[in-house]
Amino acid sequence: MEPILIADERTQVEAFLDANRDDLVETLDGLTEDQARRRLVPSLTTPLGLLKHVTWAEQVWFHVGLAGRTREELGIPHENDPSWEVTDDDTISSVVAEYRRVCAEAREIASAYSLDDLVLHNRRGPLTLRWLYLHMIEEIARHAGHADILREQILAAPMV
């Protein structure tokens, strides 16, 4: 029996969040830089852009919402749309490294709080850390699904 099946609530929630984080990163495995940037939909959604957006979301929720840092201090945009943009300097390696760094900081920030402690620095008002974890599980799982579908389409497309 897997230990996580009978673990306490926090251990289970954190394990689900980390599994979704890993699933999203794994959608980039084996893609070329061009493939990771390929747009198959009218929006800015690309495999690499999805990871950049989720990096931003982690910072908005954990670094700003929970820790009370400012977006200016973190160098992240106030709006969602720019978080999807992939620059010429972005590579799979650099975006994955930044995501892993941000997630490690998010884990460290959250470790100081209980699941019932409030996230006070968010526009939605006070929410519990439990809610934040569940929201991030939902958000990252949804985007991992998007990335998985894009990956499948990209790998099935004839080379141009």
N, C-alpha and C. Protein backbone atom coordinates (compact mmCIF):
# COMPACT_ATOMS: atom_id res chain seq x y z
N MET A 1 0.84 -1.18 0.00
CA MET A 1 0.00 0.00 0.00
C MET A 1 0.89 1.25 0.00
N GLU A 2 0.54 2.20 -0.82
CA GLU A 2 1.30 3.43 -0.88
C GLU A 2 1.09 4.24 0.40
N PRO A 3 2.17 4.72 1.01
CA PRO A 3 2.04 5.48 2.27
C PRO A 3 1.14 6.72 2.13
N ILE A 4 1.12 7.33 0.97
CA ILE A 4 0.34 8.55 0.78
C ILE A 4 -1.17 8.29 0.92
N LEU A 5 -1.59 7.06 0.70
CA LEU A 5 -3.02 6.74 0.78
C LEU A 5 -3.57 6.85 2.19
N ILE A 6 -2.71 6.71 3.18
CA ILE A 6 -3.17 6.78 4.56
C ILE A 6 -2.49 7.91 5.34
N ALA A 7 -1.85 8.80 4.64
CA ALA A 7 -1.16 9.92 5.28
C ALA A 7 -2.16 10.97 5.76
N ASP A 8 -1.66 11.91 6.54
CA ASP A 8 -2.51 13.00 7.02
C ASP A 8 -2.88 13.92 5.85
N GLU A 9 -3.86 14.77 6.08
CA GLU A 9 -4.40 15.62 5.03
C GLU A 9 -3.33 16.49 4.36
N ARG A 10 -2.51 17.13 5.13
CA ARG A 10 -1.51 18.02 4.55
C ARG A 10 -0.53 17.27 3.66
N THR A 11 -0.07 16.13 4.13
CA THR A 11 0.84 15.32 3.32
C THR A 11 0.20 14.93 2.00
N GLN A 12 -1.06 14.54 2.05
CA GLN A 12 -1.76 14.15 0.82
C GLN A 12 -1.94 15.33 -0.12
N VAL A 13 -2.36 16.47 0.40
CA VAL A 13 -2.58 17.65 -0.44
C VAL A 13 -1.27 18.10 -1.08
N GLU A 14 -0.21 18.14 -0.30
CA GLU A 14 1.08 18.54 -0.84
C GLU A 14 1.59 17.54 -1.88
N ALA A 15 1.34 16.27 -1.66
CA ALA A 15 1.76 15.25 -2.63
C ALA A 15 1.00 15.39 -3.95
N PHE A 16 -0.30 15.67 -3.87
CA PHE A 16 -1.08 15.87 -5.10
C PHE A 16 -0.58 17.12 -5.84
N LEU A 17 -0.31 18.19 -5.11
CA LEU A 17 0.19 19.40 -5.75
C LEU A 17 1.54 19.14 -6.42
N ASP A 18 2.45 18.50 -5.71
CA ASP A 18 3.76 18.21 -6.30
C ASP A 18 3.66 17.27 -7.50
N ALA A 19 2.76 16.30 -7.44
CA ALA A 19 2.57 15.39 -8.58
C ALA A 19 2.09 16.16 -9.80
N ASN A 20 1.16 17.10 -9.61
CA ASN A 20 0.69 17.91 -10.74
C ASN A 20 1.79 18.81 -11.26
N ARG A 21 2.58 19.37 -10.37
CA ARG A 21 3.72 20.19 -10.80
C ARG A 21 4.65 19.36 -11.69
N ASP A 22 4.99 18.16 -11.23
CA ASP A 22 5.87 17.29 -12.00
C ASP A 22 5.25 16.89 -13.34
N ASP A 23 3.94 16.59 -13.34
CA ASP A 23 3.26 16.22 -14.58
C ASP A 23 3.36 17.33 -15.62
N LEU A 24 3.18 18.56 -15.18
CA LEU A 24 3.26 19.68 -16.12
C LEU A 24 4.68 19.81 -16.68
N VAL A 25 5.68 19.73 -15.84
CA VAL A 25 7.07 19.81 -16.31
C VAL A 25 7.37 18.68 -17.29
N GLU A 26 6.89 17.49 -17.00
CA GLU A 26 7.16 16.33 -17.86
C GLU A 26 6.57 16.46 -19.26
N THR A 27 5.58 17.32 -19.44
CA THR A 27 5.03 17.49 -20.80
C THR A 27 6.04 18.13 -21.74
N LEU A 28 7.08 18.74 -21.19
CA LEU A 28 8.12 19.35 -22.02
C LEU A 28 9.24 18.37 -22.37
N ASP A 29 9.27 17.23 -21.68
CA ASP A 29 10.33 16.24 -21.93
C ASP A 29 10.34 15.80 -23.39
N GLY A 30 11.51 15.89 -24.01
CA GLY A 30 11.67 15.43 -25.37
C GLY A 30 11.22 16.40 -26.45
N LEU A 31 10.65 17.53 -26.07
CA LEU A 31 10.28 18.54 -27.07
C LEU A 31 11.50 19.37 -27.42
N THR A 32 11.57 19.80 -28.67
CA THR A 32 12.60 20.75 -29.06
C THR A 32 12.18 22.14 -28.59
N GLU A 33 13.11 23.07 -28.64
CA GLU A 33 12.77 24.45 -28.27
C GLU A 33 11.65 24.99 -29.17
N ASP A 34 11.73 24.71 -30.45
CA ASP A 34 10.68 25.16 -31.37
C ASP A 34 9.34 24.52 -31.05
N GLN A 35 9.34 23.23 -30.76
CA GLN A 35 8.09 22.55 -30.42
C GLN A 35 7.49 23.11 -29.14
N ALA A 36 8.31 23.41 -28.16
CA ALA A 36 7.82 23.94 -26.88
C ALA A 36 7.19 25.32 -27.05
N ARG A 37 7.54 26.02 -28.12
CA ARG A 37 7.01 27.36 -28.39
C ARG A 37 5.84 27.35 -29.39
N ARG A 38 5.55 26.20 -29.93
CA ARG A 38 4.55 26.11 -31.00
C ARG A 38 3.16 26.46 -30.48
N ARG A 39 2.51 27.34 -31.25
CA ARG A 39 1.13 27.75 -30.94
C ARG A 39 0.19 27.01 -31.85
N LEU A 40 -0.74 26.29 -31.25
CA LEU A 40 -1.75 25.55 -32.02
C LEU A 40 -3.14 26.13 -31.81
N VAL A 41 -3.25 27.15 -30.99
CA VAL A 41 -4.52 27.80 -30.69
C VAL A 41 -4.32 29.31 -30.82
N PRO A 42 -5.40 30.08 -30.99
CA PRO A 42 -5.25 31.52 -31.20
C PRO A 42 -4.64 32.27 -30.00
N SER A 43 -4.77 31.74 -28.81
CA SER A 43 -4.22 32.41 -27.63
C SER A 43 -2.70 32.24 -27.57
N LEU A 44 -2.09 32.76 -26.52
CA LEU A 44 -0.65 32.63 -26.32
C LEU A 44 -0.26 31.27 -25.75
N THR A 45 -1.21 30.36 -25.65
CA THR A 45 -0.96 29.06 -25.04
C THR A 45 -0.01 28.21 -25.87
N THR A 46 1.12 27.88 -25.26
CA THR A 46 2.12 26.96 -25.83
C THR A 46 2.57 26.08 -24.67
N PRO A 47 3.19 24.96 -24.95
CA PRO A 47 3.70 24.17 -23.83
C PRO A 47 4.60 24.98 -22.89
N LEU A 48 5.53 25.74 -23.44
CA LEU A 48 6.43 26.54 -22.62
C LEU A 48 5.68 27.69 -21.94
N GLY A 49 4.75 28.29 -22.65
CA GLY A 49 3.95 29.37 -22.08
C GLY A 49 3.09 28.91 -20.91
N LEU A 50 2.59 27.69 -20.98
CA LEU A 50 1.83 27.14 -19.85
C LEU A 50 2.68 27.08 -18.59
N LEU A 51 3.92 26.64 -18.72
CA LEU A 51 4.78 26.56 -17.55
C LEU A 51 5.14 27.95 -17.03
N LYS A 52 5.34 28.90 -17.93
CA LYS A 52 5.61 30.28 -17.49
C LYS A 52 4.41 30.84 -16.74
N HIS A 53 3.21 30.59 -17.27
CA HIS A 53 2.00 31.08 -16.61
C HIS A 53 1.84 30.48 -15.21
N VAL A 54 2.07 29.18 -15.09
CA VAL A 54 1.91 28.53 -13.79
C VAL A 54 2.99 29.01 -12.82
N THR A 55 4.16 29.33 -13.31
CA THR A 55 5.20 29.91 -12.45
C THR A 55 4.68 31.22 -11.87
N TRP A 56 4.07 32.04 -12.71
CA TRP A 56 3.48 33.29 -12.26
C TRP A 56 2.38 33.04 -11.23
N ALA A 57 1.51 32.06 -11.49
CA ALA A 57 0.41 31.75 -10.58
C ALA A 57 0.94 31.30 -9.21
N GLU A 58 1.99 30.49 -9.21
CA GLU A 58 2.60 30.06 -7.94
C GLU A 58 3.06 31.29 -7.15
N GLN A 59 3.69 32.24 -7.85
CA GLN A 59 4.17 33.44 -7.17
C GLN A 59 3.01 34.30 -6.67
N VAL A 60 1.96 34.43 -7.48
CA VAL A 60 0.81 35.23 -7.07
C VAL A 60 0.19 34.65 -5.80
N TRP A 61 0.03 33.35 -5.76
CA TRP A 61 -0.66 32.73 -4.62
C TRP A 61 0.23 32.56 -3.40
N PHE A 62 1.42 32.02 -3.57
CA PHE A 62 2.26 31.75 -2.40
C PHE A 62 3.12 32.94 -1.99
N HIS A 63 3.83 33.51 -2.94
CA HIS A 63 4.77 34.57 -2.62
C HIS A 63 4.07 35.89 -2.28
N VAL A 64 3.04 36.22 -3.05
CA VAL A 64 2.28 37.45 -2.79
C VAL A 64 1.17 37.16 -1.78
N GLY A 65 0.26 36.24 -2.13
CA GLY A 65 -0.92 36.00 -1.32
C GLY A 65 -0.63 35.55 0.10
N LEU A 66 0.28 34.62 0.23
CA LEU A 66 0.57 34.06 1.55
C LEU A 66 1.69 34.84 2.25
N ALA A 67 2.79 35.08 1.56
CA ALA A 67 3.95 35.72 2.20
C ALA A 67 3.86 37.24 2.24
N GLY A 68 2.97 37.84 1.44
CA GLY A 68 2.81 39.28 1.47
C GLY A 68 3.85 40.07 0.69
N ARG A 69 4.61 39.40 -0.18
CA ARG A 69 5.55 40.13 -1.03
C ARG A 69 4.76 40.87 -2.11
N THR A 70 5.38 41.82 -2.77
CA THR A 70 4.69 42.55 -3.82
C THR A 70 5.09 42.00 -5.19
N ARG A 71 4.23 42.23 -6.15
CA ARG A 71 4.54 41.81 -7.52
C ARG A 71 5.74 42.58 -8.06
N GLU A 72 5.84 43.83 -7.65
CA GLU A 72 6.99 44.63 -8.07
C GLU A 72 8.28 44.03 -7.54
N GLU A 73 8.27 43.64 -6.28
CA GLU A 73 9.44 43.03 -5.66
C GLU A 73 9.84 41.74 -6.38
N LEU A 74 8.84 40.98 -6.83
CA LEU A 74 9.10 39.72 -7.52
C LEU A 74 9.37 39.91 -9.01
N GLY A 75 9.04 41.09 -9.53
CA GLY A 75 9.23 41.35 -10.96
C GLY A 75 8.23 40.62 -11.84
N ILE A 76 7.01 40.45 -11.32
CA ILE A 76 5.97 39.77 -12.10
C ILE A 76 4.84 40.74 -12.43
N PRO A 77 4.17 40.51 -13.56
CA PRO A 77 3.10 41.41 -13.96
C PRO A 77 1.87 41.32 -13.05
N HIS A 78 1.09 42.38 -13.06
CA HIS A 78 -0.16 42.40 -12.29
C HIS A 78 -1.25 41.62 -13.02
N GLU A 79 -1.19 41.60 -14.32
CA GLU A 79 -2.22 40.94 -15.11
C GLU A 79 -1.75 39.55 -15.56
N ASN A 80 -2.70 38.72 -15.86
CA ASN A 80 -2.50 37.34 -16.27
C ASN A 80 -1.86 37.22 -17.66
N ASP A 81 -2.32 37.99 -18.63
CA ASP A 81 -1.91 37.80 -20.02
C ASP A 81 -0.40 37.80 -20.26
N PRO A 82 0.36 38.75 -19.69
CA PRO A 82 1.81 38.71 -19.93
C PRO A 82 2.51 37.47 -19.38
N SER A 83 1.87 36.79 -18.45
CA SER A 83 2.51 35.61 -17.85
C SER A 83 2.64 34.45 -18.84
N TRP A 84 1.93 34.51 -19.94
CA TRP A 84 1.98 33.46 -20.96
C TRP A 84 3.06 33.69 -22.01
N GLU A 85 3.62 34.90 -22.04
CA GLU A 85 4.55 35.28 -23.10
C GLU A 85 5.90 34.61 -22.95
N VAL A 86 6.36 34.02 -24.03
CA VAL A 86 7.66 33.38 -24.09
C VAL A 86 8.61 34.32 -24.82
N THR A 87 9.72 34.68 -24.17
CA THR A 87 10.67 35.61 -24.77
C THR A 87 11.76 34.84 -25.53
N ASP A 88 12.56 35.56 -26.28
CA ASP A 88 13.67 34.94 -27.00
C ASP A 88 14.68 34.31 -26.05
N ASP A 89 14.78 34.85 -24.83
CA ASP A 89 15.74 34.34 -23.85
C ASP A 89 15.25 33.09 -23.13
N ASP A 90 13.96 32.80 -23.22
CA ASP A 90 13.41 31.62 -22.54
C ASP A 90 13.79 30.34 -23.26
N THR A 91 14.23 29.37 -22.48
CA THR A 91 14.49 28.03 -23.01
C THR A 91 13.73 27.05 -22.12
N ILE A 92 13.57 25.83 -22.60
CA ILE A 92 12.93 24.82 -21.76
C ILE A 92 13.68 24.73 -20.43
N SER A 93 14.98 24.64 -20.52
CA SER A 93 15.81 24.50 -19.32
C SER A 93 15.65 25.67 -18.36
N SER A 94 15.67 26.89 -18.89
CA SER A 94 15.58 28.07 -18.01
C SER A 94 14.19 28.21 -17.39
N VAL A 95 13.15 27.91 -18.13
CA VAL A 95 11.79 28.03 -17.62
C VAL A 95 11.51 26.94 -16.58
N VAL A 96 11.98 25.72 -16.85
CA VAL A 96 11.83 24.64 -15.87
C VAL A 96 12.60 24.97 -14.59
N ALA A 97 13.82 25.47 -14.72
CA ALA A 97 14.62 25.81 -13.55
C ALA A 97 13.94 26.90 -12.72
N GLU A 98 13.40 27.90 -13.39
CA GLU A 98 12.70 28.98 -12.67
C GLU A 98 11.45 28.43 -11.98
N TYR A 99 10.71 27.56 -12.66
CA TYR A 99 9.53 26.97 -12.05
C TYR A 99 9.90 26.16 -10.82
N ARG A 100 10.93 25.37 -10.93
CA ARG A 100 11.35 24.55 -9.78
C ARG A 100 11.81 25.45 -8.61
N ARG A 101 12.50 26.53 -8.92
CA ARG A 101 12.93 27.48 -7.88
C ARG A 101 11.73 28.10 -7.19
N VAL A 102 10.76 28.57 -7.98
CA VAL A 102 9.56 29.20 -7.44
C VAL A 102 8.77 28.21 -6.59
N CYS A 103 8.67 26.96 -7.05
CA CYS A 103 7.93 25.93 -6.29
C CYS A 103 8.63 25.62 -4.97
N ALA A 104 9.96 25.56 -4.99
CA ALA A 104 10.71 25.31 -3.75
C ALA A 104 10.46 26.45 -2.76
N GLU A 105 10.46 27.68 -3.24
CA GLU A 105 10.16 28.82 -2.37
C GLU A 105 8.73 28.75 -1.86
N ALA A 106 7.79 28.35 -2.72
CA ALA A 106 6.39 28.23 -2.31
C ALA A 106 6.25 27.19 -1.20
N ARG A 107 6.94 26.05 -1.34
CA ARG A 107 6.91 25.02 -0.30
C ARG A 107 7.44 25.58 1.02
N GLU A 108 8.55 26.31 0.94
CA GLU A 108 9.16 26.89 2.13
C GLU A 108 8.22 27.90 2.79
N ILE A 109 7.61 28.74 1.99
CA ILE A 109 6.66 29.73 2.52
C ILE A 109 5.51 29.02 3.22
N ALA A 110 4.92 28.06 2.55
CA ALA A 110 3.74 27.37 3.08
C ALA A 110 4.06 26.56 4.33
N SER A 111 5.30 26.11 4.46
CA SER A 111 5.66 25.25 5.61
C SER A 111 5.47 25.96 6.95
N ALA A 112 5.46 27.27 6.95
CA ALA A 112 5.32 28.02 8.19
C ALA A 112 3.86 28.20 8.61
N TYR A 113 2.93 27.70 7.82
CA TYR A 113 1.50 27.90 8.07
C TYR A 113 0.78 26.57 8.23
N SER A 114 -0.32 26.60 8.95
CA SER A 114 -1.19 25.43 9.03
C SER A 114 -2.24 25.54 7.92
N LEU A 115 -2.92 24.45 7.64
CA LEU A 115 -3.94 24.46 6.58
C LEU A 115 -5.06 25.44 6.87
N ASP A 116 -5.31 25.74 8.13
CA ASP A 116 -6.39 26.66 8.49
C ASP A 116 -5.94 28.11 8.58
N ASP A 117 -4.64 28.37 8.46
CA ASP A 117 -4.16 29.74 8.48
C ASP A 117 -4.65 30.47 7.24
N LEU A 118 -4.81 31.78 7.39
CA LEU A 118 -5.39 32.58 6.31
C LEU A 118 -4.36 33.17 5.37
N VAL A 119 -4.72 33.15 4.10
CA VAL A 119 -3.99 33.84 3.04
C VAL A 119 -4.62 35.23 2.99
N LEU A 120 -3.89 36.23 3.47
CA LEU A 120 -4.47 37.55 3.68
C LEU A 120 -4.21 38.56 2.57
N HIS A 121 -3.23 38.28 1.71
CA HIS A 121 -2.79 39.28 0.74
C HIS A 121 -3.28 38.95 -0.67
N ASN A 122 -4.56 38.66 -0.78
CA ASN A 122 -5.14 38.30 -2.07
C ASN A 122 -6.39 39.12 -2.28
N ARG A 123 -6.66 39.46 -3.52
CA ARG A 123 -7.81 40.31 -3.85
C ARG A 123 -9.14 39.67 -3.48
N ARG A 124 -9.18 38.34 -3.36
CA ARG A 124 -10.43 37.66 -3.03
C ARG A 124 -10.73 37.72 -1.54
N GLY A 125 -9.80 38.25 -0.77
CA GLY A 125 -10.01 38.33 0.66
C GLY A 125 -9.42 37.13 1.37
N PRO A 126 -9.62 37.03 2.66
CA PRO A 126 -9.02 35.92 3.40
C PRO A 126 -9.51 34.57 2.91
N LEU A 127 -8.56 33.70 2.66
CA LEU A 127 -8.81 32.31 2.26
C LEU A 127 -7.87 31.45 3.10
N THR A 128 -8.17 30.20 3.26
CA THR A 128 -7.26 29.34 4.02
C THR A 128 -6.15 28.80 3.11
N LEU A 129 -5.06 28.39 3.74
CA LEU A 129 -4.01 27.72 2.99
C LEU A 129 -4.57 26.46 2.35
N ARG A 130 -5.49 25.77 3.00
CA ARG A 130 -6.13 24.58 2.42
C ARG A 130 -6.77 24.95 1.08
N TRP A 131 -7.52 26.06 1.04
CA TRP A 131 -8.17 26.50 -0.19
C TRP A 131 -7.12 26.78 -1.26
N LEU A 132 -6.04 27.47 -0.87
CA LEU A 132 -4.97 27.79 -1.82
C LEU A 132 -4.39 26.51 -2.41
N TYR A 133 -4.09 25.54 -1.57
CA TYR A 133 -3.56 24.26 -2.07
C TYR A 133 -4.54 23.61 -3.05
N LEU A 134 -5.80 23.55 -2.69
CA LEU A 134 -6.79 22.90 -3.57
C LEU A 134 -6.93 23.66 -4.88
N HIS A 135 -6.91 24.98 -4.81
CA HIS A 135 -6.99 25.80 -6.02
C HIS A 135 -5.79 25.53 -6.93
N MET A 136 -4.58 25.46 -6.35
CA MET A 136 -3.39 25.22 -7.16
C MET A 136 -3.38 23.82 -7.75
N ILE A 137 -3.89 22.83 -7.01
CA ILE A 137 -4.02 21.49 -7.57
C ILE A 137 -4.91 21.54 -8.80
N GLU A 138 -6.04 22.23 -8.68
CA GLU A 138 -6.98 22.37 -9.79
C GLU A 138 -6.34 23.11 -10.96
N GLU A 139 -5.71 24.23 -10.69
CA GLU A 139 -5.10 25.07 -11.73
C GLU A 139 -4.00 24.32 -12.48
N ILE A 140 -3.10 23.70 -11.75
CA ILE A 140 -1.98 23.04 -12.39
C ILE A 140 -2.43 21.79 -13.13
N ALA A 141 -3.37 21.05 -12.55
CA ALA A 141 -3.88 19.85 -13.24
C ALA A 141 -4.55 20.23 -14.56
N ARG A 142 -5.31 21.31 -14.54
CA ARG A 142 -5.97 21.76 -15.78
C ARG A 142 -4.93 22.11 -16.83
N HIS A 143 -3.91 22.85 -16.44
CA HIS A 143 -2.89 23.26 -17.40
C HIS A 143 -2.00 22.10 -17.83
N ALA A 144 -1.78 21.14 -16.95
CA ALA A 144 -1.03 19.94 -17.34
C ALA A 144 -1.81 19.18 -18.41
N GLY A 145 -3.13 19.15 -18.27
CA GLY A 145 -3.96 18.52 -19.30
C GLY A 145 -3.86 19.25 -20.62
N HIS A 146 -3.90 20.58 -20.56
CA HIS A 146 -3.73 21.37 -21.79
C HIS A 146 -2.38 21.05 -22.44
N ALA A 147 -1.33 21.06 -21.63
CA ALA A 147 0.02 20.81 -22.14
C ALA A 147 0.14 19.41 -22.73
N ASP A 148 -0.50 18.45 -22.10
CA ASP A 148 -0.46 17.07 -22.59
C ASP A 148 -1.11 16.96 -23.97
N ILE A 149 -2.24 17.63 -24.14
CA ILE A 149 -2.92 17.61 -25.45
C ILE A 149 -2.07 18.33 -26.50
N LEU A 150 -1.51 19.48 -26.15
CA LEU A 150 -0.65 20.21 -27.10
C LEU A 150 0.56 19.34 -27.48
N ARG A 151 1.15 18.70 -26.50
CA ARG A 151 2.31 17.84 -26.75
C ARG A 151 1.94 16.73 -27.73
N GLU A 152 0.79 16.11 -27.50
CA GLU A 152 0.35 15.03 -28.39
C GLU A 152 0.16 15.54 -29.81
N GLN A 153 -0.43 16.71 -29.96
CA GLN A 153 -0.62 17.27 -31.29
C GLN A 153 0.70 17.64 -31.94
N ILE A 154 1.60 18.23 -31.16
CA ILE A 154 2.90 18.64 -31.70
C ILE A 154 3.70 17.44 -32.16
N LEU A 155 3.72 16.39 -31.36
CA LEU A 155 4.51 15.21 -31.71
C LEU A 155 3.90 14.42 -32.87
N ALA A 156 2.60 14.57 -33.08
CA ALA A 156 1.93 13.87 -34.18
C ALA A 156 2.02 14.64 -35.49
N ALA A 157 2.35 15.93 -35.40
CA ALA A 157 2.42 16.76 -36.61
C ALA A 157 3.65 16.41 -37.42
N PRO A 158 3.51 16.45 -38.75
CA PRO A 158 4.68 16.20 -39.60
C PRO A 158 5.71 17.31 -39.39
N MET A 159 6.96 16.95 -39.47
CA MET A 159 8.04 17.93 -39.33
C MET A 159 8.01 18.89 -40.52
N VAL A 160 8.15 20.16 -40.24
CA VAL A 160 8.12 21.17 -41.29
C VAL A 160 9.52 21.66 -41.55
